[in-house]
N, C-alpha and C. Protein backbone atom coordinates (compact mmCIF):
# COMPACT_ATOMS: atom_id res chain seq x y z
N UNK A 1 -1.74 5.84 14.81
CA UNK A 1 -0.91 5.20 13.30
C UNK A 1 -0.39 6.71 12.83
N UNK A 2 0.64 6.30 12.26
CA UNK A 2 1.33 7.10 11.64
C UNK A 2 0.74 7.56 10.24
N UNK A 3 1.31 7.98 8.84
CA UNK A 3 0.68 9.07 7.62
C UNK A 3 0.97 7.68 6.13
N UNK A 4 0.11 7.06 6.54
CA UNK A 4 -0.40 6.23 5.49
C UNK A 4 -0.73 7.26 3.96
N UNK A 5 -0.60 7.63 2.89
CA UNK A 5 -1.35 7.84 2.38
C UNK A 5 -1.33 6.79 0.66
N UNK A 6 -2.67 6.70 0.53
CA UNK A 6 -2.82 5.50 -0.18
C UNK A 6 -4.11 5.65 -1.54
N UNK A 7 -5.14 6.72 -1.07
CA UNK A 7 -5.93 6.90 -1.75
C UNK A 7 -6.46 7.48 -2.53
N UNK A 8 -7.17 7.53 -3.57
CA UNK A 8 -7.37 8.84 -4.24
C UNK A 8 -8.48 9.50 -3.52
N UNK A 9 -8.33 10.81 -3.65
CA UNK A 9 -9.51 11.44 -3.24
C UNK A 9 -9.83 12.97 -3.39
N UNK A 10 -10.59 13.51 -3.23
CA UNK A 10 -10.99 14.97 -3.93
C UNK A 10 -9.59 15.90 -3.04
N UNK A 11 -9.01 15.64 -2.32
CA UNK A 11 -8.01 16.38 -1.14
C UNK A 11 -7.36 16.30 -2.14
N UNK A 12 -6.75 15.20 -1.67
CA UNK A 12 -5.27 15.31 -2.46
C UNK A 12 -4.92 14.79 -3.84
N UNK A 13 -6.30 14.01 -4.59
CA UNK A 13 -5.79 13.75 -6.02
C UNK A 13 -5.91 12.41 -5.78
N UNK A 14 -5.56 11.85 -7.18
CA UNK A 14 -5.64 10.26 -7.49
C UNK A 14 -3.86 10.13 -7.07
N UNK A 15 -3.27 8.79 -6.50
CA UNK A 15 -2.27 8.50 -6.25
C UNK A 15 -1.43 8.46 -7.24
N UNK A 16 -2.05 7.84 -7.97
CA UNK A 16 -0.32 7.57 -9.20
C UNK A 16 -0.37 9.54 -10.16
N UNK A 17 -1.28 9.97 -10.08
CA UNK A 17 -0.94 11.68 -10.27
C UNK A 17 0.05 12.27 -9.02
N UNK A 18 -0.29 12.24 -8.19
CA UNK A 18 0.93 12.13 -6.82
C UNK A 18 1.72 11.76 -6.96
N UNK A 19 2.08 10.47 -7.64
CA UNK A 19 3.00 9.81 -7.54
C UNK A 19 3.92 10.41 -8.24
N UNK A 20 3.50 10.72 -9.57
CA UNK A 20 4.30 11.49 -10.65
C UNK A 20 4.68 12.82 -10.71
N UNK A 21 4.40 13.68 -9.57
CA UNK A 21 4.15 14.86 -9.44
C UNK A 21 5.71 15.41 -7.97
N UNK A 22 6.73 15.31 -9.15
CA UNK A 22 7.61 15.63 -7.51
C UNK A 22 7.31 16.89 -7.03
N UNK A 23 6.94 17.50 -7.10
CA UNK A 23 6.71 18.82 -5.81
C UNK A 23 5.72 18.94 -4.90
N UNK A 24 4.73 17.73 -5.22
CA UNK A 24 3.64 17.42 -4.78
C UNK A 24 3.85 16.41 -3.49
N UNK A 25 4.97 15.52 -4.18
CA UNK A 25 5.82 14.68 -3.11
C UNK A 25 6.72 15.48 -2.09
N UNK A 26 7.21 16.30 -2.73
CA UNK A 26 7.74 17.24 -1.66
C UNK A 26 7.25 18.22 -0.89
N UNK A 27 5.80 18.34 -1.03
CA UNK A 27 5.22 19.34 -0.46
C UNK A 27 4.56 18.11 0.74
N UNK A 28 3.91 17.47 0.31
CA UNK A 28 3.57 16.76 1.05
C UNK A 28 4.74 15.50 2.38
N UNK A 29 5.73 16.08 1.88
CA UNK A 29 7.07 14.98 2.93
C UNK A 29 6.94 13.84 2.73
N UNK A 30 6.91 12.97 1.35
CA UNK A 30 6.67 11.82 1.18
C UNK A 30 8.00 11.13 1.07
N UNK A 31 8.67 10.26 2.49
CA UNK A 31 9.71 9.82 2.83
C UNK A 31 9.67 8.46 1.80
N UNK A 32 8.86 7.97 1.70
CA UNK A 32 8.78 6.13 0.78
C UNK A 32 7.82 5.97 -0.34
N UNK A 33 7.80 5.35 -1.55
CA UNK A 33 7.10 5.11 -2.48
C UNK A 33 6.92 3.65 -1.96
N UNK A 34 5.58 3.07 -1.98
CA UNK A 34 5.14 1.39 -2.86
C UNK A 34 4.32 1.88 -3.91
N UNK A 35 4.74 0.97 -4.89
CA UNK A 35 3.96 1.36 -6.57
C UNK A 35 3.60 -0.23 -6.21
N UNK A 36 1.97 -0.38 -6.55
CA UNK A 36 1.67 -1.73 -6.35
C UNK A 36 1.28 -1.96 -7.91
N UNK A 37 1.61 -0.92 -8.86
CA UNK A 37 1.60 -1.06 -10.44
C UNK A 37 2.59 -0.81 -11.17
N UNK A 38 3.87 -1.22 -10.63
CA UNK A 38 5.11 -0.95 -11.08
C UNK A 38 5.21 -1.66 -12.72
N UNK A 39 6.05 -1.53 -13.75
CA UNK A 39 6.20 -1.62 -14.78
C UNK A 39 7.21 -0.87 -15.10
N UNK A 40 7.75 -1.11 -16.19
CA UNK A 40 9.42 -0.81 -17.01
C UNK A 40 8.88 0.96 -17.37
N UNK A 41 7.60 1.45 -17.78
CA UNK A 41 7.39 2.57 -18.05
C UNK A 41 6.63 3.29 -16.36
N UNK A 42 6.15 2.74 -15.43
CA UNK A 42 5.62 3.04 -14.13
C UNK A 42 6.76 2.83 -12.87
N UNK A 43 7.71 3.11 -12.85
CA UNK A 43 9.09 2.43 -11.97
C UNK A 43 9.29 3.79 -11.41
N UNK A 44 10.53 3.13 -9.96
CA UNK A 44 11.09 4.04 -9.58
C UNK A 44 11.84 5.29 -9.64
N UNK A 45 12.46 5.65 -10.92
CA UNK A 45 13.70 5.96 -11.68
C UNK A 45 13.13 7.86 -11.37
N UNK A 46 11.64 7.84 -11.02
CA UNK A 46 11.33 9.28 -11.09
C UNK A 46 11.68 10.08 -10.17
N UNK A 47 11.98 8.74 -8.73
CA UNK A 47 12.58 9.48 -7.58
C UNK A 47 13.85 9.93 -7.20
N UNK A 48 15.02 9.54 -8.28
CA UNK A 48 16.30 9.47 -7.99
C UNK A 48 16.44 11.04 -7.63
N UNK A 49 17.70 11.16 -6.77
CA UNK A 49 17.60 12.67 -6.31
C UNK A 49 17.00 13.10 -5.36
N UNK A 50 15.84 12.56 -5.13
CA UNK A 50 14.81 12.96 -3.89
C UNK A 50 14.74 12.52 -2.76
N UNK A 51 15.42 11.58 -2.20
CA UNK A 51 15.72 11.03 -0.95
C UNK A 51 14.42 10.15 -0.47
N UNK A 52 14.00 9.57 -1.33
CA UNK A 52 12.80 8.55 -1.37
C UNK A 52 13.16 7.61 -2.01
N UNK A 53 12.55 6.46 -1.17
CA UNK A 53 13.14 5.03 -0.81
C UNK A 53 11.55 4.86 -1.79
N UNK A 54 11.91 3.81 -2.38
CA UNK A 54 10.98 3.20 -3.40
C UNK A 54 10.88 1.69 -3.32
N UNK A 55 9.56 0.94 -3.64
CA UNK A 55 9.60 -0.60 -3.38
C UNK A 55 8.13 -0.41 -4.88
N UNK A 56 8.66 -1.32 -5.71
CA UNK A 56 7.75 -1.71 -7.23
C UNK A 56 7.47 -2.88 -6.92
N UNK A 57 6.53 -3.10 -6.84
CA UNK A 57 5.72 -4.60 -7.30
C UNK A 57 4.79 -4.57 -8.12
N UNK A 58 4.97 -5.16 -9.56
CA UNK A 58 4.51 -5.46 -10.71
C UNK A 58 3.32 -6.40 -10.36
N UNK A 59 2.24 -6.41 -9.89
CA UNK A 59 1.08 -6.87 -9.60
C UNK A 59 -0.32 -6.91 -10.31
N UNK A 60 -0.36 -7.72 -11.17
CA UNK A 60 -2.13 -7.79 -11.72
C UNK A 60 -3.15 -7.42 -10.89
N UNK A 61 -4.19 -6.60 -11.21
CA UNK A 61 -5.43 -6.63 -10.67
C UNK A 61 -6.12 -7.24 -11.14
N UNK A 62 -5.92 -8.84 -11.02
CA UNK A 62 -6.55 -9.98 -11.19
C UNK A 62 -6.98 -10.49 -10.22
N UNK A 63 -7.77 -11.49 -10.13
CA UNK A 63 -8.09 -12.91 -9.04
C UNK A 63 -7.75 -13.99 -8.87
N UNK A 64 -6.58 -14.09 -10.04
CA UNK A 64 -5.70 -15.00 -10.17
C UNK A 64 -4.06 -14.73 -9.69
N UNK A 65 -4.10 -13.62 -9.63
CA UNK A 65 -2.94 -13.11 -9.14
C UNK A 65 -2.09 -13.20 -7.72
N UNK A 66 -1.14 -14.12 -7.82
CA UNK A 66 -1.01 -14.37 -6.57
C UNK A 66 0.02 -13.27 -5.79
N UNK A 67 -1.04 -12.01 -4.81
CA UNK A 67 -0.37 -11.58 -4.32
C UNK A 67 0.42 -11.48 -2.72
N UNK A 68 0.02 -12.71 -2.11
CA UNK A 68 0.33 -13.08 -1.12
C UNK A 68 1.82 -13.21 -0.65
N UNK A 69 2.64 -13.38 -2.34
CA UNK A 69 3.92 -13.12 -1.72
C UNK A 69 4.65 -12.00 -1.59
N UNK A 70 3.75 -11.00 -1.86
CA UNK A 70 4.17 -9.35 -1.70
C UNK A 70 3.91 -9.27 0.05
N UNK A 71 2.82 -9.95 0.68
CA UNK A 71 1.99 -9.24 1.91
C UNK A 71 3.77 -9.46 3.01
N UNK A 72 3.96 -9.85 3.06
CA UNK A 72 5.38 -9.34 4.15
C UNK A 72 6.01 -8.38 3.85
N UNK A 73 6.42 -8.88 2.50
CA UNK A 73 7.96 -7.64 2.08
C UNK A 73 7.51 -6.20 2.19
N UNK A 74 6.11 -5.64 1.56
CA UNK A 74 5.32 -4.94 1.48
C UNK A 74 5.02 -4.16 2.61
N UNK A 75 4.14 -5.27 3.64
CA UNK A 75 3.92 -4.78 5.07
C UNK A 75 5.21 -4.43 5.92
N UNK A 76 6.72 -5.17 5.73
CA UNK A 76 7.88 -4.43 6.19
C UNK A 76 8.28 -3.09 5.69
N UNK A 77 8.00 -3.22 4.56
CA UNK A 77 8.50 -1.76 4.02
C UNK A 77 7.81 -0.88 4.64
N UNK A 78 6.39 -0.61 4.46
CA UNK A 78 5.61 0.03 5.03
C UNK A 78 6.00 0.31 6.56
N UNK A 79 6.40 -0.55 7.36
CA UNK A 79 6.35 -0.62 9.15
C UNK A 79 7.63 0.33 8.69
N UNK A 80 8.46 -0.20 8.05
CA UNK A 80 9.99 0.60 8.33
C UNK A 80 9.91 1.95 8.31
N UNK A 81 8.97 2.45 6.87
CA UNK A 81 8.64 3.76 6.58
C UNK A 81 8.11 4.50 7.81
N UNK A 82 7.11 4.06 8.62
CA UNK A 82 6.35 4.59 9.48
C UNK A 82 6.95 4.78 10.81
N UNK A 83 8.22 4.20 10.62
CA UNK A 83 8.85 3.61 12.19
C UNK A 83 10.35 4.90 12.18
N UNK A 84 10.28 5.31 10.88
CA UNK A 84 11.41 6.39 10.75
C UNK A 84 10.89 7.86 10.97
N UNK A 85 11.93 8.49 11.71
CA UNK A 85 11.44 9.64 12.56
C UNK A 85 11.19 10.44 11.05
N UNK A 86 9.80 10.75 11.13
CA UNK A 86 9.34 11.96 9.79
C UNK A 86 9.01 11.02 8.42
N UNK A 87 8.67 9.83 9.13
CA UNK A 87 8.57 9.16 7.74
C UNK A 87 6.80 9.20 7.27
N UNK A 88 6.94 9.16 5.63
CA UNK A 88 5.24 9.03 5.06
C UNK A 88 5.79 8.48 4.08
N UNK A 89 4.81 7.38 3.77
CA UNK A 89 4.70 6.79 2.61
C UNK A 89 3.49 6.79 1.72
N UNK A 90 3.48 6.81 0.63
CA UNK A 90 2.80 6.61 -0.56
C UNK A 90 2.20 5.63 -1.15
N UNK A 91 1.32 4.25 -0.84
CA UNK A 91 0.91 3.69 -1.30
C UNK A 91 0.29 3.95 -2.21
N UNK A 92 0.15 3.40 -3.93
CA UNK A 92 -0.61 3.38 -4.68
C UNK A 92 -0.55 2.57 -5.81
N UNK A 93 -1.57 2.42 -6.83
CA UNK A 93 -1.29 1.86 -7.51
C UNK A 93 -2.25 2.34 -8.93
N UNK A 94 -3.11 1.65 -9.80
CA UNK A 94 -3.23 2.45 -11.02
C UNK A 94 -4.80 3.22 -10.59
N UNK A 95 -5.59 2.83 -9.78
CA UNK A 95 -6.90 3.04 -9.08
C UNK A 95 -7.15 3.30 -8.05
N UNK A 96 -6.36 2.68 -6.92
CA UNK A 96 -6.35 2.81 -5.80
C UNK A 96 -7.20 2.12 -5.18
N UNK A 97 -8.14 1.24 -5.38
CA UNK A 97 -8.86 0.35 -4.19
C UNK A 97 -8.68 -1.02 -4.03
N UNK A 98 -7.82 -1.70 -5.20
CA UNK A 98 -7.48 -3.23 -4.84
C UNK A 98 -6.40 -3.40 -4.54
N UNK A 99 -5.51 -3.17 -5.37
CA UNK A 99 -4.12 -3.85 -5.11
C UNK A 99 -3.47 -2.77 -3.87
N UNK A 100 -3.26 -1.30 -3.99
CA UNK A 100 -2.56 -0.92 -2.90
C UNK A 100 -3.65 -1.33 -1.77
N UNK A 101 -4.35 -1.30 -1.78
CA UNK A 101 -5.86 -1.62 -0.53
C UNK A 101 -5.58 -2.52 0.36
N UNK A 102 -5.52 -3.59 -0.84
CA UNK A 102 -5.08 -5.29 -0.01
C UNK A 102 -3.58 -4.79 0.47
N UNK A 103 -2.60 -4.60 0.21
CA UNK A 103 -1.15 -4.29 0.57
C UNK A 103 -1.41 -3.68 1.66
N UNK A 104 -1.84 -2.62 2.17
CA UNK A 104 -2.30 -1.93 3.04
C UNK A 104 -3.30 -2.74 4.20
N UNK A 105 -4.07 -3.50 3.76
CA UNK A 105 -4.70 -4.41 4.72
C UNK A 105 -3.95 -4.93 5.09
N UNK A 106 -3.11 -6.05 4.13
CA UNK A 106 -1.96 -6.96 4.98
C UNK A 106 -1.23 -6.04 6.19
N UNK A 107 -0.72 -4.87 5.63
CA UNK A 107 0.27 -4.58 6.65
C UNK A 107 -0.16 -4.13 8.39
N UNK A 108 -1.57 -3.73 8.35
CA UNK A 108 -2.32 -3.60 9.09
C UNK A 108 -2.38 -4.83 10.15
N UNK A 109 -2.55 -6.02 9.35
CA UNK A 109 -2.92 -7.09 9.68
C UNK A 109 -1.58 -7.72 10.36
N UNK A 110 -0.55 -7.78 9.92
CA UNK A 110 1.03 -8.11 10.34
C UNK A 110 1.38 -7.36 11.19
N UNK A 111 1.31 -5.96 11.10
CA UNK A 111 1.82 -5.01 12.01
C UNK A 111 1.56 -4.36 13.37
N UNK A 112 -0.13 -4.21 12.65
CA UNK A 112 -1.19 -3.41 13.55
C UNK A 112 -1.49 -4.39 14.28
N UNK A 113 -1.42 -5.17 14.23
CA UNK A 113 -2.17 -6.97 14.67
C UNK A 113 -3.70 -6.74 14.95
N UNK A 114 -4.45 -6.46 13.50
CA UNK A 114 -5.96 -6.71 13.45
C UNK A 114 -6.35 -7.61 13.05
N UNK A 115 -7.02 -8.18 12.91
CA UNK A 115 -7.78 -9.34 12.18
C UNK A 115 -8.20 -8.48 10.45
N UNK A 116 -9.07 -9.41 10.09
CA UNK A 116 -9.04 -9.03 8.63
C UNK A 116 -10.35 -7.93 8.49
N UNK A 117 -11.59 -8.48 9.66
CA UNK A 117 -12.91 -7.43 9.37
C UNK A 117 -12.30 -5.86 10.20
N UNK A 118 -11.13 -6.00 11.40
CA UNK A 118 -10.93 -4.86 11.85
C UNK A 118 -10.17 -3.94 11.08
N UNK A 119 -9.34 -4.65 10.03
CA UNK A 119 -8.49 -3.76 8.78
C UNK A 119 -9.04 -2.83 7.88
N UNK A 120 -10.28 -3.87 7.48
CA UNK A 120 -11.14 -3.65 6.40
C UNK A 120 -11.98 -2.18 6.74
N UNK A 121 -12.27 -2.56 8.05
CA UNK A 121 -13.46 -1.63 8.75
C UNK A 121 -12.22 -0.19 9.06
N UNK A 122 -11.39 -0.07 9.74
CA UNK A 122 -10.17 0.68 9.45
C UNK A 122 -10.38 1.64 8.05
N UNK A 123 -10.09 1.04 7.30
CA UNK A 123 -9.85 1.55 5.95
C UNK A 123 -11.05 2.19 5.35
N UNK A 124 -11.92 1.46 5.24
CA UNK A 124 -13.18 1.83 4.91
C UNK A 124 -13.99 3.08 5.73
N UNK A 125 -13.37 3.43 6.82
CA UNK A 125 -13.73 4.38 7.35
C UNK A 125 -12.66 5.75 6.85
N UNK A 126 -11.87 5.38 6.21
CA UNK A 126 -11.50 6.53 5.36
C UNK A 126 -11.29 6.74 3.71
N UNK A 127 -11.66 5.65 3.22
CA UNK A 127 -11.79 5.67 1.99
C UNK A 127 -12.76 4.32 1.50
N UNK A 128 -12.98 4.49 0.34
CA UNK A 128 -13.72 3.26 -0.39
C UNK A 128 -12.64 2.36 -1.07
N UNK A 129 -12.53 1.15 -0.88
CA UNK A 129 -11.82 -0.23 -1.32
C UNK A 129 -12.48 -1.26 -1.79
N UNK A 130 -12.16 -2.08 -3.03
CA UNK A 130 -12.58 -3.12 -3.37
C UNK A 130 -11.63 -4.14 -4.22
N UNK A 131 -11.12 -4.64 -3.01
CA UNK A 131 -9.90 -5.54 -3.16
C UNK A 131 -10.73 -6.59 -4.04
N UNK A 132 -9.99 -7.14 -5.23
CA UNK A 132 -10.90 -8.29 -6.14
C UNK A 132 -11.32 -9.63 -4.95
N UNK A 133 -11.99 -10.47 -5.65
CA UNK A 133 -12.17 -11.56 -4.95
C UNK A 133 -10.29 -12.51 -4.29
N UNK A 134 -10.15 -12.64 -5.49
CA UNK A 134 -8.79 -13.53 -5.39
C UNK A 134 -8.23 -12.81 -3.93
N UNK A 135 -7.82 -11.29 -3.64
CA UNK A 135 -6.82 -11.24 -3.27
C UNK A 135 -7.82 -10.84 -1.99
N UNK A 136 -8.89 -10.95 -1.83
CA UNK A 136 -9.85 -11.06 -0.56
C UNK A 136 -9.40 -12.61 -0.12
N UNK A 137 -9.40 -13.39 -0.55
CA UNK A 137 -9.20 -14.95 -0.51
C UNK A 137 -8.15 -15.28 0.05
N UNK A 138 -6.87 -14.16 -0.38
CA UNK A 138 -5.58 -14.51 -0.32
C UNK A 138 -5.43 -13.67 1.27
N UNK A 139 -6.34 -12.91 1.66
CA UNK A 139 -6.21 -12.14 2.96
C UNK A 139 -6.74 -12.81 3.77
N UNK A 140 -7.81 -13.69 3.50
CA UNK A 140 -8.36 -14.24 4.86
C UNK A 140 -7.58 -15.79 5.14
N UNK A 141 -6.93 -15.87 3.85
CA UNK A 141 -5.58 -17.01 4.52
C UNK A 141 -4.63 -16.18 5.11
N UNK A 142 -4.31 -15.58 4.94
CA UNK A 142 -3.22 -14.40 5.97
C UNK A 142 -3.92 -14.31 7.35
N UNK A 143 -4.98 -13.37 7.37
CA UNK A 143 -5.86 -13.77 8.71
C UNK A 143 -5.88 -15.11 9.50
N UNK A 144 -6.39 -16.09 8.99
CA UNK A 144 -6.28 -17.76 9.75
C UNK A 144 -4.72 -17.79 9.84
N UNK A 145 -4.02 -17.78 8.71
CA UNK A 145 -2.59 -18.50 9.62
C UNK A 145 -2.19 -17.56 10.36
N UNK A 146 -2.58 -15.94 10.72
CA UNK A 146 -1.68 -15.03 11.85
C UNK A 146 -2.72 -15.14 13.12
N UNK A 147 -4.09 -15.85 13.46
CA UNK A 147 -5.10 -16.07 14.26
C UNK A 147 -4.31 -17.74 14.41
N UNK A 148 -3.89 -18.42 14.01
CA UNK A 148 -3.09 -19.65 14.32
C UNK A 148 -1.97 -19.31 14.66
N UNK A 149 -1.10 -18.33 14.77
CA UNK A 149 0.34 -17.87 15.06
C UNK A 149 0.14 -17.46 16.69
N UNK A 150 -0.93 -16.63 16.90
CA UNK A 150 -1.00 -15.42 17.83
C UNK A 150 -1.80 -16.48 18.94
């Protein structure tokens, strides 16, 4: 797998901090940003003139929020970023354990053909994630749909 940076860690700092730090984005050669906590106050205007492609999703970290409508657009955005020569994507939200993790899990299921358990295991091997119970239900539905279609 190529380079997906979406999680806070001691080594790289919190992703929303990196997302706001133009120097750090350039240093890490980030070419795409997927912001799962987009708002009018936290949007893509920071990347003008930086040659960074941006996708913003106004998602709430709530079990009742329908994240599933963003599974395919976000997965396609991530996939297109990673298919570009030198493509590196930063996927982030406010905390980095639910919204952004859910979208990365959906990407792994849709484009890397993993089932939900494989996707969770792959991500959890690299960092702690805690998608809320509503997002997990939506990922289970995606998993069932993908299994039926394969």
